[in-house]
């Protein structure tokens, strides 16, 4: 049977996503990634470079998957977009976990593929401009608040449980977030000029 480098790379990325989601960059171990991927460590270094480069490749792949699943400009309104984003992160919790690890470990430093990721968010801002009900709305702030409402609600299950109660379902949370985001988009600006 011939060696399949594409399949090996895919197994490595899948194993690395799970390892990084569980342990972050600092705590992840290339030995565990190699064992899970049924690949040797040398293949990891040959294909991806060091551990940080592998993390960047994993995050780039997951962000590409997210962008394809919830594309810019596809939403009819920001509430619908928030619901789709919530659904995606609920089904793929490793993506949000990796973004949190990235924030913890990189802080204010530039992140992997920052220029392309910034362009993706600029596309989302353009969609937010079209979805906003008033010309006074700040589409950048609307997008940031939308991402925050979706991400925070899934990233902090303990706070969600303590504040909203253990019976507050994720389906109810999704509906509440969609409504809140739409209300933000529909609200007239009270800034005076």
N, C-alpha and C. Protein backbone atom coordinates (compact mmCIF):
# COMPACT_ATOMS: atom_id res chain seq x y z
N UNK A 1 0.84 -1.18 0.00
CA UNK A 1 0.00 0.00 0.00
C UNK A 1 0.88 1.24 0.00
N UNK A 2 0.61 2.17 -0.89
CA UNK A 2 1.41 3.37 -1.04
C UNK A 2 1.12 4.36 0.09
N UNK A 3 2.13 5.13 0.44
CA UNK A 3 2.01 6.14 1.48
C UNK A 3 1.14 7.28 0.96
N UNK A 4 0.17 7.69 1.73
CA UNK A 4 -0.76 8.76 1.35
C UNK A 4 -0.48 9.98 2.21
N UNK A 5 0.30 10.92 1.67
CA UNK A 5 0.69 12.09 2.46
C UNK A 5 -0.51 12.98 2.80
N UNK A 6 -1.47 13.09 1.90
CA UNK A 6 -2.64 13.93 2.18
C UNK A 6 -3.44 13.35 3.35
N UNK A 7 -3.61 12.03 3.36
CA UNK A 7 -4.34 11.39 4.47
C UNK A 7 -3.57 11.54 5.78
N UNK A 8 -2.25 11.43 5.71
CA UNK A 8 -1.43 11.59 6.91
C UNK A 8 -1.56 13.01 7.46
N UNK A 9 -1.49 14.00 6.58
CA UNK A 9 -1.64 15.40 7.01
C UNK A 9 -3.00 15.61 7.66
N UNK A 10 -4.04 15.05 7.07
CA UNK A 10 -5.38 15.20 7.62
C UNK A 10 -5.49 14.56 9.00
N UNK A 11 -4.91 13.37 9.16
CA UNK A 11 -4.93 12.71 10.47
C UNK A 11 -4.16 13.53 11.50
N UNK A 12 -3.04 14.09 11.09
CA UNK A 12 -2.25 14.93 12.00
C UNK A 12 -3.04 16.16 12.42
N UNK A 13 -3.68 16.84 11.47
CA UNK A 13 -4.47 18.03 11.79
C UNK A 13 -5.63 17.69 12.74
N UNK A 14 -6.29 16.57 12.50
CA UNK A 14 -7.40 16.16 13.36
C UNK A 14 -6.91 15.85 14.77
N UNK A 15 -5.82 15.09 14.87
CA UNK A 15 -5.26 14.75 16.17
C UNK A 15 -4.74 16.00 16.88
N UNK A 16 -4.12 16.89 16.15
CA UNK A 16 -3.58 18.11 16.74
C UNK A 16 -4.71 19.02 17.23
N UNK A 17 -5.81 19.10 16.49
CA UNK A 17 -6.93 19.93 16.93
C UNK A 17 -7.44 19.45 18.29
N UNK A 18 -7.59 18.15 18.44
CA UNK A 18 -8.05 17.61 19.72
C UNK A 18 -7.03 17.87 20.83
N UNK A 19 -5.77 17.66 20.54
CA UNK A 19 -4.71 17.86 21.53
C UNK A 19 -4.61 19.32 21.95
N UNK A 20 -4.61 20.24 20.99
CA UNK A 20 -4.52 21.66 21.31
C UNK A 20 -5.77 22.14 22.04
N UNK A 21 -6.94 21.65 21.65
CA UNK A 21 -8.17 22.06 22.32
C UNK A 21 -8.15 21.63 23.79
N UNK A 22 -7.57 20.47 24.05
CA UNK A 22 -7.51 19.96 25.42
C UNK A 22 -6.41 20.60 26.26
N UNK A 23 -5.27 20.92 25.63
CA UNK A 23 -4.09 21.32 26.40
C UNK A 23 -3.47 22.66 26.02
N UNK A 24 -3.94 23.32 24.97
CA UNK A 24 -3.30 24.54 24.51
C UNK A 24 -1.98 24.23 23.83
N UNK A 25 -1.28 25.25 23.38
CA UNK A 25 -0.01 25.04 22.69
C UNK A 25 1.05 24.57 23.68
N UNK A 26 1.14 25.23 24.81
CA UNK A 26 2.19 24.90 25.78
C UNK A 26 2.03 23.49 26.33
N UNK A 27 0.81 23.06 26.57
CA UNK A 27 0.58 21.76 27.17
C UNK A 27 0.47 20.61 26.19
N UNK A 28 0.28 20.92 24.92
CA UNK A 28 0.15 19.86 23.90
C UNK A 28 1.48 19.14 23.73
N UNK A 29 1.41 17.87 23.40
CA UNK A 29 2.60 17.05 23.20
C UNK A 29 2.58 16.44 21.81
N UNK A 30 3.67 16.67 21.09
CA UNK A 30 3.80 16.15 19.73
C UNK A 30 3.77 14.62 19.75
N UNK A 31 4.31 14.00 20.78
CA UNK A 31 4.26 12.53 20.91
C UNK A 31 2.82 12.03 20.90
N UNK A 32 1.95 12.70 21.65
CA UNK A 32 0.54 12.27 21.70
C UNK A 32 -0.15 12.51 20.36
N UNK A 33 0.17 13.63 19.73
CA UNK A 33 -0.42 13.91 18.41
C UNK A 33 0.00 12.83 17.42
N UNK A 34 1.28 12.51 17.41
CA UNK A 34 1.78 11.48 16.48
C UNK A 34 1.11 10.13 16.75
N UNK A 35 0.99 9.75 18.01
CA UNK A 35 0.39 8.47 18.34
C UNK A 35 -1.08 8.42 17.91
N UNK A 36 -1.82 9.49 18.20
CA UNK A 36 -3.23 9.54 17.83
C UNK A 36 -3.40 9.53 16.31
N UNK A 37 -2.52 10.23 15.61
CA UNK A 37 -2.61 10.33 14.14
C UNK A 37 -2.04 9.11 13.43
N UNK A 38 -1.44 8.21 14.21
CA UNK A 38 -0.75 7.05 13.62
C UNK A 38 0.27 7.52 12.57
N UNK A 39 1.05 8.51 13.01
CA UNK A 39 2.11 9.08 12.18
C UNK A 39 3.35 9.20 13.05
N UNK A 40 4.49 9.38 12.42
CA UNK A 40 5.68 9.59 13.23
C UNK A 40 5.93 11.09 13.43
N UNK A 41 6.66 11.40 14.48
CA UNK A 41 6.94 12.80 14.80
C UNK A 41 7.64 13.51 13.65
N UNK A 42 8.49 12.78 12.96
CA UNK A 42 9.23 13.38 11.84
C UNK A 42 8.27 13.91 10.77
N UNK A 43 7.19 13.17 10.51
CA UNK A 43 6.20 13.62 9.53
C UNK A 43 5.57 14.94 9.97
N UNK A 44 5.30 15.06 11.25
CA UNK A 44 4.71 16.30 11.76
C UNK A 44 5.65 17.48 11.51
N UNK A 45 6.91 17.30 11.86
CA UNK A 45 7.88 18.38 11.67
C UNK A 45 8.13 18.65 10.18
N UNK A 46 8.14 17.61 9.36
CA UNK A 46 8.35 17.81 7.92
C UNK A 46 7.18 18.56 7.28
N UNK A 47 5.97 18.20 7.66
CA UNK A 47 4.79 18.82 7.05
C UNK A 47 4.46 20.20 7.62
N UNK A 48 4.68 20.38 8.91
CA UNK A 48 4.17 21.59 9.56
C UNK A 48 5.22 22.44 10.26
N UNK A 49 6.39 21.93 10.50
CA UNK A 49 7.39 22.68 11.23
C UNK A 49 7.25 22.42 12.72
N UNK A 50 7.43 23.45 13.54
CA UNK A 50 7.36 23.27 14.98
C UNK A 50 5.92 23.24 15.49
N UNK A 51 5.77 23.09 16.78
CA UNK A 51 4.46 22.96 17.40
C UNK A 51 3.60 24.20 17.18
N UNK A 52 4.21 25.38 17.24
CA UNK A 52 3.44 26.61 17.03
C UNK A 52 2.94 26.70 15.59
N UNK A 53 3.76 26.26 14.66
CA UNK A 53 3.33 26.25 13.26
C UNK A 53 2.21 25.24 13.04
N UNK A 54 2.28 24.12 13.74
CA UNK A 54 1.19 23.14 13.66
C UNK A 54 -0.09 23.72 14.23
N UNK A 55 0.01 24.43 15.36
CA UNK A 55 -1.17 25.08 15.94
C UNK A 55 -1.76 26.07 14.94
N UNK A 56 -0.91 26.85 14.29
CA UNK A 56 -1.37 27.82 13.29
C UNK A 56 -2.10 27.11 12.15
N UNK A 57 -1.56 25.98 11.70
CA UNK A 57 -2.19 25.23 10.61
C UNK A 57 -3.55 24.68 11.04
N UNK A 58 -3.63 24.19 12.26
CA UNK A 58 -4.89 23.67 12.79
C UNK A 58 -5.92 24.79 12.86
N UNK A 59 -5.53 25.92 13.43
CA UNK A 59 -6.46 27.03 13.57
C UNK A 59 -6.88 27.57 12.21
N UNK A 60 -5.95 27.65 11.27
CA UNK A 60 -6.28 28.11 9.92
C UNK A 60 -7.33 27.18 9.29
N UNK A 61 -7.14 25.88 9.45
CA UNK A 61 -8.10 24.92 8.88
C UNK A 61 -9.47 25.07 9.53
N UNK A 62 -9.50 25.18 10.85
CA UNK A 62 -10.78 25.30 11.54
C UNK A 62 -11.48 26.62 11.21
N UNK A 63 -10.72 27.69 11.07
CA UNK A 63 -11.32 28.98 10.71
C UNK A 63 -11.83 28.95 9.27
N UNK A 64 -11.13 28.25 8.40
CA UNK A 64 -11.61 28.09 7.02
C UNK A 64 -12.92 27.30 7.01
N UNK A 65 -12.96 26.23 7.80
CA UNK A 65 -14.20 25.44 7.90
C UNK A 65 -15.35 26.31 8.41
N UNK A 66 -15.08 27.13 9.43
CA UNK A 66 -16.10 28.01 9.99
C UNK A 66 -16.57 29.02 8.93
N UNK A 67 -15.64 29.63 8.22
CA UNK A 67 -15.99 30.62 7.19
C UNK A 67 -16.83 30.01 6.08
N UNK A 68 -16.55 28.75 5.75
CA UNK A 68 -17.35 28.08 4.72
C UNK A 68 -18.73 27.70 5.24
N UNK A 69 -18.81 27.32 6.51
CA UNK A 69 -20.09 26.91 7.08
C UNK A 69 -21.01 28.11 7.36
N UNK A 70 -20.41 29.23 7.76
CA UNK A 70 -21.17 30.44 8.08
C UNK A 70 -20.51 31.58 7.29
N UNK A 71 -20.77 31.63 5.98
CA UNK A 71 -20.05 32.57 5.12
C UNK A 71 -20.49 34.03 5.29
N UNK A 72 -19.59 34.97 4.99
CA UNK A 72 -19.95 36.38 5.08
C UNK A 72 -21.03 36.74 4.06
N UNK A 73 -21.95 37.56 4.50
CA UNK A 73 -22.98 38.07 3.60
C UNK A 73 -24.11 37.10 3.35
N UNK A 74 -24.05 35.92 3.95
CA UNK A 74 -25.07 34.92 3.73
C UNK A 74 -26.29 35.14 4.61
N UNK A 75 -26.11 35.91 5.67
CA UNK A 75 -27.20 36.10 6.62
C UNK A 75 -28.19 37.15 6.12
N UNK A 76 -29.46 36.94 6.41
CA UNK A 76 -30.49 37.90 6.06
C UNK A 76 -30.53 39.01 7.10
N UNK A 77 -30.15 38.69 8.30
CA UNK A 77 -30.06 39.67 9.37
C UNK A 77 -29.05 39.16 10.39
N UNK A 78 -28.65 40.01 11.29
CA UNK A 78 -27.63 39.61 12.26
C UNK A 78 -28.14 38.57 13.25
N UNK A 79 -29.42 38.57 13.56
CA UNK A 79 -29.98 37.56 14.44
C UNK A 79 -29.87 36.17 13.83
N UNK A 80 -30.11 36.07 12.54
CA UNK A 80 -29.98 34.79 11.84
C UNK A 80 -28.51 34.36 11.83
N UNK A 81 -27.62 35.30 11.57
CA UNK A 81 -26.19 35.00 11.58
C UNK A 81 -25.76 34.51 12.96
N UNK A 82 -26.21 35.18 14.02
CA UNK A 82 -25.85 34.78 15.38
C UNK A 82 -26.32 33.35 15.66
N UNK A 83 -27.52 33.02 15.23
CA UNK A 83 -28.03 31.66 15.42
C UNK A 83 -27.20 30.63 14.67
N UNK A 84 -26.82 30.95 13.44
CA UNK A 84 -25.99 30.02 12.65
C UNK A 84 -24.62 29.85 13.29
N UNK A 85 -24.05 30.94 13.78
CA UNK A 85 -22.75 30.88 14.42
C UNK A 85 -22.83 30.08 15.73
N UNK A 86 -23.89 30.29 16.49
CA UNK A 86 -24.11 29.52 17.71
C UNK A 86 -24.20 28.03 17.40
N UNK A 87 -24.96 27.69 16.37
CA UNK A 87 -25.11 26.28 15.97
C UNK A 87 -23.76 25.68 15.59
N UNK A 88 -22.97 26.45 14.85
CA UNK A 88 -21.67 25.94 14.42
C UNK A 88 -20.77 25.66 15.63
N UNK A 89 -20.66 26.63 16.52
CA UNK A 89 -19.79 26.46 17.69
C UNK A 89 -20.32 25.37 18.64
N UNK A 90 -21.61 25.22 18.68
CA UNK A 90 -22.19 24.15 19.50
C UNK A 90 -21.81 22.78 18.93
N UNK A 91 -21.82 22.67 17.62
CA UNK A 91 -21.47 21.40 16.97
C UNK A 91 -19.96 21.17 16.90
N UNK A 92 -19.19 22.24 16.96
CA UNK A 92 -17.72 22.16 16.84
C UNK A 92 -17.06 22.93 17.99
N UNK A 93 -17.18 22.46 19.21
CA UNK A 93 -16.66 23.21 20.35
C UNK A 93 -15.15 23.40 20.33
N UNK A 94 -14.43 22.55 19.61
CA UNK A 94 -12.98 22.67 19.56
C UNK A 94 -12.55 23.99 18.91
N UNK A 95 -13.34 24.51 17.99
CA UNK A 95 -12.98 25.77 17.33
C UNK A 95 -12.95 26.91 18.34
N UNK A 96 -13.98 27.03 19.13
CA UNK A 96 -14.03 28.08 20.15
C UNK A 96 -12.93 27.87 21.20
N UNK A 97 -12.71 26.62 21.60
CA UNK A 97 -11.64 26.34 22.58
C UNK A 97 -10.28 26.77 22.04
N UNK A 98 -10.02 26.50 20.76
CA UNK A 98 -8.74 26.89 20.18
C UNK A 98 -8.60 28.41 20.10
N UNK A 99 -9.68 29.10 19.82
CA UNK A 99 -9.63 30.56 19.82
C UNK A 99 -9.35 31.09 21.22
N UNK A 100 -9.91 30.44 22.23
CA UNK A 100 -9.63 30.85 23.61
C UNK A 100 -8.18 30.57 23.98
N UNK A 101 -7.66 29.40 23.59
CA UNK A 101 -6.25 29.11 23.84
C UNK A 101 -5.36 30.13 23.13
N UNK A 102 -5.73 30.48 21.90
CA UNK A 102 -4.95 31.47 21.16
C UNK A 102 -4.90 32.79 21.92
N UNK A 103 -6.04 33.22 22.44
CA UNK A 103 -6.08 34.46 23.20
C UNK A 103 -5.25 34.37 24.48
N UNK A 104 -5.35 33.24 25.18
CA UNK A 104 -4.59 33.07 26.42
C UNK A 104 -3.08 33.05 26.17
N UNK A 105 -2.68 32.38 25.12
CA UNK A 105 -1.25 32.17 24.90
C UNK A 105 -0.59 33.28 24.07
N UNK A 106 -1.36 34.00 23.27
CA UNK A 106 -0.76 35.01 22.41
C UNK A 106 -1.09 36.43 22.84
N UNK A 107 -2.14 36.58 23.61
CA UNK A 107 -2.50 37.91 24.11
C UNK A 107 -2.63 38.93 23.01
N UNK A 108 -1.90 40.00 23.14
CA UNK A 108 -1.96 41.11 22.17
C UNK A 108 -1.05 40.91 20.96
N UNK A 109 -0.26 39.84 20.95
CA UNK A 109 0.64 39.58 19.82
C UNK A 109 -0.16 39.19 18.58
N UNK A 110 0.41 39.42 17.39
CA UNK A 110 -0.28 38.99 16.17
C UNK A 110 -0.54 37.48 16.20
N UNK A 111 -1.65 37.08 15.61
CA UNK A 111 -2.05 35.67 15.60
C UNK A 111 -1.78 35.06 14.22
N UNK A 112 -1.76 33.74 14.13
CA UNK A 112 -1.54 33.10 12.84
C UNK A 112 -2.55 33.55 11.79
N UNK A 113 -2.06 33.84 10.60
CA UNK A 113 -2.89 34.19 9.46
C UNK A 113 -3.78 35.40 9.76
N UNK A 114 -3.25 36.34 10.53
CA UNK A 114 -4.06 37.48 10.99
C UNK A 114 -4.61 38.31 9.83
N UNK A 115 -3.83 38.52 8.80
CA UNK A 115 -4.29 39.35 7.68
C UNK A 115 -5.51 38.73 6.99
N UNK A 116 -5.46 37.44 6.70
CA UNK A 116 -6.58 36.78 6.04
C UNK A 116 -7.80 36.73 6.96
N UNK A 117 -7.56 36.48 8.24
CA UNK A 117 -8.67 36.43 9.19
C UNK A 117 -9.30 37.82 9.35
N UNK A 118 -8.47 38.87 9.33
CA UNK A 118 -9.00 40.23 9.40
C UNK A 118 -9.88 40.51 8.19
N UNK A 119 -9.46 40.07 7.01
CA UNK A 119 -10.27 40.27 5.81
C UNK A 119 -11.62 39.57 5.93
N UNK A 120 -11.61 38.38 6.51
CA UNK A 120 -12.88 37.67 6.72
C UNK A 120 -13.82 38.51 7.60
N UNK A 121 -13.28 39.09 8.66
CA UNK A 121 -14.12 39.90 9.54
C UNK A 121 -14.55 41.20 8.85
N UNK A 122 -13.71 41.76 7.99
CA UNK A 122 -14.12 42.94 7.23
C UNK A 122 -15.30 42.61 6.31
N UNK A 123 -15.29 41.39 5.74
CA UNK A 123 -16.43 40.94 4.94
C UNK A 123 -17.68 40.85 5.80
N UNK A 124 -17.53 40.35 7.02
CA UNK A 124 -18.66 40.27 7.94
C UNK A 124 -19.17 41.66 8.32
N UNK A 125 -18.25 42.62 8.47
CA UNK A 125 -18.64 43.99 8.80
C UNK A 125 -19.47 44.58 7.67
N UNK A 126 -19.08 44.30 6.43
CA UNK A 126 -19.87 44.77 5.29
C UNK A 126 -21.28 44.20 5.33
N UNK A 127 -21.38 42.92 5.67
CA UNK A 127 -22.71 42.29 5.80
C UNK A 127 -23.48 42.93 6.95
N UNK A 128 -22.79 43.25 8.05
CA UNK A 128 -23.45 43.88 9.19
C UNK A 128 -23.97 45.27 8.82
N UNK A 129 -23.24 45.98 7.99
CA UNK A 129 -23.69 47.30 7.52
C UNK A 129 -25.02 47.18 6.78
N UNK A 130 -25.14 46.15 5.98
CA UNK A 130 -26.37 45.95 5.21
C UNK A 130 -27.50 45.48 6.11
N UNK A 131 -27.18 44.76 7.17
CA UNK A 131 -28.21 44.22 8.07
C UNK A 131 -28.68 45.25 9.09
N UNK A 132 -27.85 46.26 9.38
CA UNK A 132 -28.20 47.25 10.40
C UNK A 132 -29.39 48.08 9.94
N UNK A 133 -30.30 48.37 10.87
CA UNK A 133 -31.53 49.07 10.53
C UNK A 133 -31.32 50.56 10.34
N UNK A 134 -30.32 51.13 10.97
CA UNK A 134 -30.13 52.58 10.88
C UNK A 134 -28.74 52.89 10.37
N UNK A 135 -28.60 54.06 9.80
CA UNK A 135 -27.30 54.50 9.32
C UNK A 135 -26.37 54.85 10.48
N UNK A 136 -26.93 55.03 11.67
CA UNK A 136 -26.13 55.39 12.84
C UNK A 136 -25.50 54.20 13.53
N UNK A 137 -25.88 52.99 13.14
CA UNK A 137 -25.34 51.79 13.78
C UNK A 137 -23.86 51.64 13.44
N UNK A 138 -23.11 51.14 14.37
CA UNK A 138 -21.69 50.89 14.16
C UNK A 138 -21.52 49.41 13.80
N UNK A 139 -21.33 49.08 12.52
CA UNK A 139 -21.28 47.66 12.13
C UNK A 139 -20.12 46.90 12.76
N UNK A 140 -19.00 47.56 13.02
CA UNK A 140 -17.89 46.88 13.68
C UNK A 140 -18.27 46.47 15.09
N UNK A 141 -18.90 47.39 15.81
CA UNK A 141 -19.34 47.08 17.17
C UNK A 141 -20.42 46.00 17.15
N UNK A 142 -21.34 46.08 16.20
CA UNK A 142 -22.39 45.06 16.11
C UNK A 142 -21.79 43.67 15.89
N UNK A 143 -20.82 43.57 15.01
CA UNK A 143 -20.19 42.27 14.76
C UNK A 143 -19.44 41.80 16.00
N UNK A 144 -18.69 42.69 16.64
CA UNK A 144 -17.94 42.32 17.83
C UNK A 144 -18.87 41.85 18.95
N UNK A 145 -19.97 42.58 19.16
CA UNK A 145 -20.93 42.19 20.20
C UNK A 145 -21.59 40.85 19.85
N UNK A 146 -21.87 40.64 18.57
CA UNK A 146 -22.47 39.37 18.14
C UNK A 146 -21.54 38.21 18.44
N UNK A 147 -20.27 38.35 18.06
CA UNK A 147 -19.29 37.30 18.33
C UNK A 147 -19.14 37.08 19.83
N UNK A 148 -19.18 38.17 20.59
CA UNK A 148 -19.06 38.06 22.04
C UNK A 148 -20.24 37.34 22.68
N UNK A 149 -21.44 37.68 22.26
CA UNK A 149 -22.62 37.01 22.82
C UNK A 149 -22.62 35.52 22.52
N UNK A 150 -22.29 35.18 21.30
CA UNK A 150 -22.26 33.76 20.91
C UNK A 150 -21.14 33.04 21.65
N UNK A 151 -19.93 33.57 21.54
CA UNK A 151 -18.77 32.90 22.12
C UNK A 151 -18.81 32.79 23.62
N UNK A 152 -19.15 33.88 24.29
CA UNK A 152 -19.14 33.88 25.75
C UNK A 152 -20.17 32.90 26.31
N UNK A 153 -21.33 32.83 25.68
CA UNK A 153 -22.38 31.95 26.20
C UNK A 153 -21.99 30.48 26.13
N UNK A 154 -21.18 30.12 25.14
CA UNK A 154 -20.73 28.73 25.01
C UNK A 154 -19.42 28.47 25.74
N UNK A 155 -18.59 29.50 25.87
CA UNK A 155 -17.29 29.34 26.50
C UNK A 155 -17.37 29.31 28.03
N UNK A 156 -18.43 29.84 28.58
CA UNK A 156 -18.57 29.94 30.03
C UNK A 156 -19.82 29.21 30.53
N UNK A 157 -19.86 27.88 30.38
CA UNK A 157 -21.07 27.15 30.81
C UNK A 157 -21.34 27.28 32.30
N UNK A 158 -20.30 27.43 33.10
CA UNK A 158 -20.51 27.55 34.54
C UNK A 158 -21.22 28.85 34.89
N UNK A 159 -20.87 29.95 34.21
CA UNK A 159 -21.55 31.23 34.46
C UNK A 159 -22.98 31.18 33.94
N UNK A 160 -23.15 30.57 32.78
CA UNK A 160 -24.49 30.42 32.21
C UNK A 160 -25.39 29.66 33.19
N UNK A 161 -24.87 28.58 33.75
CA UNK A 161 -25.63 27.75 34.70
C UNK A 161 -25.92 28.53 35.99
N UNK A 162 -24.91 29.23 36.53
CA UNK A 162 -25.09 29.94 37.80
C UNK A 162 -26.05 31.12 37.66
N UNK A 163 -25.97 31.81 36.55
CA UNK A 163 -26.80 33.01 36.37
C UNK A 163 -28.19 32.67 35.85
N UNK A 164 -28.27 31.82 34.85
CA UNK A 164 -29.55 31.52 34.22
C UNK A 164 -30.24 30.30 34.80
N UNK A 165 -29.48 29.49 35.53
CA UNK A 165 -30.05 28.29 36.12
C UNK A 165 -29.75 27.06 35.30
N UNK A 166 -29.73 25.91 35.94
CA UNK A 166 -29.35 24.67 35.25
C UNK A 166 -30.36 24.21 34.21
N UNK A 167 -31.59 24.73 34.26
CA UNK A 167 -32.62 24.32 33.32
C UNK A 167 -32.70 25.20 32.07
N UNK A 168 -31.82 26.20 31.99
CA UNK A 168 -31.81 27.10 30.83
C UNK A 168 -31.09 26.37 29.69
N UNK A 169 -31.84 25.89 28.73
CA UNK A 169 -31.28 25.03 27.68
C UNK A 169 -30.48 25.83 26.66
N UNK A 170 -29.62 25.12 25.94
CA UNK A 170 -28.87 25.76 24.86
C UNK A 170 -29.79 26.22 23.73
N UNK A 171 -30.89 25.51 23.51
CA UNK A 171 -31.84 25.96 22.49
C UNK A 171 -32.47 27.30 22.88
N UNK A 172 -32.79 27.44 24.17
CA UNK A 172 -33.34 28.71 24.65
C UNK A 172 -32.26 29.80 24.57
N UNK A 173 -31.02 29.44 24.89
CA UNK A 173 -29.91 30.39 24.80
C UNK A 173 -29.75 30.88 23.36
N UNK A 174 -29.82 29.95 22.41
CA UNK A 174 -29.68 30.32 21.00
C UNK A 174 -30.74 31.34 20.59
N UNK A 175 -31.99 31.07 20.97
CA UNK A 175 -33.07 31.99 20.64
C UNK A 175 -32.87 33.35 21.30
N UNK A 176 -32.43 33.35 22.54
CA UNK A 176 -32.19 34.61 23.26
C UNK A 176 -31.07 35.41 22.61
N UNK A 177 -30.02 34.73 22.21
CA UNK A 177 -28.90 35.42 21.56
C UNK A 177 -29.34 36.00 20.22
N UNK A 178 -30.05 35.22 19.43
CA UNK A 178 -30.53 35.73 18.14
C UNK A 178 -31.39 36.96 18.33
N UNK A 179 -32.29 36.92 19.30
CA UNK A 179 -33.16 38.07 19.57
C UNK A 179 -32.36 39.28 20.04
N UNK A 180 -31.40 39.05 20.93
CA UNK A 180 -30.60 40.16 21.46
C UNK A 180 -29.77 40.80 20.36
N UNK A 181 -29.17 39.97 19.51
CA UNK A 181 -28.36 40.51 18.42
C UNK A 181 -29.23 41.30 17.44
N UNK A 182 -30.40 40.76 17.13
CA UNK A 182 -31.29 41.49 16.22
C UNK A 182 -31.74 42.80 16.84
N UNK A 183 -32.00 42.80 18.14
CA UNK A 183 -32.39 44.04 18.82
C UNK A 183 -31.26 45.07 18.76
N UNK A 184 -30.03 44.62 18.91
CA UNK A 184 -28.89 45.54 18.78
C UNK A 184 -28.83 46.13 17.37
N UNK A 185 -29.05 45.30 16.38
CA UNK A 185 -29.00 45.77 14.99
C UNK A 185 -30.14 46.72 14.68
N UNK A 186 -31.30 46.50 15.29
CA UNK A 186 -32.48 47.30 15.00
C UNK A 186 -32.55 48.58 15.83
N UNK A 187 -31.78 48.65 16.90
CA UNK A 187 -31.86 49.79 17.82
C UNK A 187 -31.33 51.06 17.17
N UNK A 188 -32.06 52.13 17.30
CA UNK A 188 -31.54 53.40 16.80
C UNK A 188 -30.37 53.86 17.67
N UNK A 189 -29.44 54.50 17.07
CA UNK A 189 -28.30 55.00 17.82
C UNK A 189 -28.72 56.22 18.63
N UNK A 190 -28.29 56.32 19.90
CA UNK A 190 -28.63 57.50 20.69
C UNK A 190 -27.43 58.43 20.80
N UNK A 191 -26.46 58.25 19.92
CA UNK A 191 -25.32 59.17 19.95
C UNK A 191 -25.72 60.48 19.31
N UNK A 192 -25.27 61.56 19.87
CA UNK A 192 -25.55 62.87 19.31
C UNK A 192 -24.28 63.40 18.68
N UNK A 193 -24.50 64.18 17.65
CA UNK A 193 -23.33 64.70 16.93
C UNK A 193 -23.14 66.15 17.17
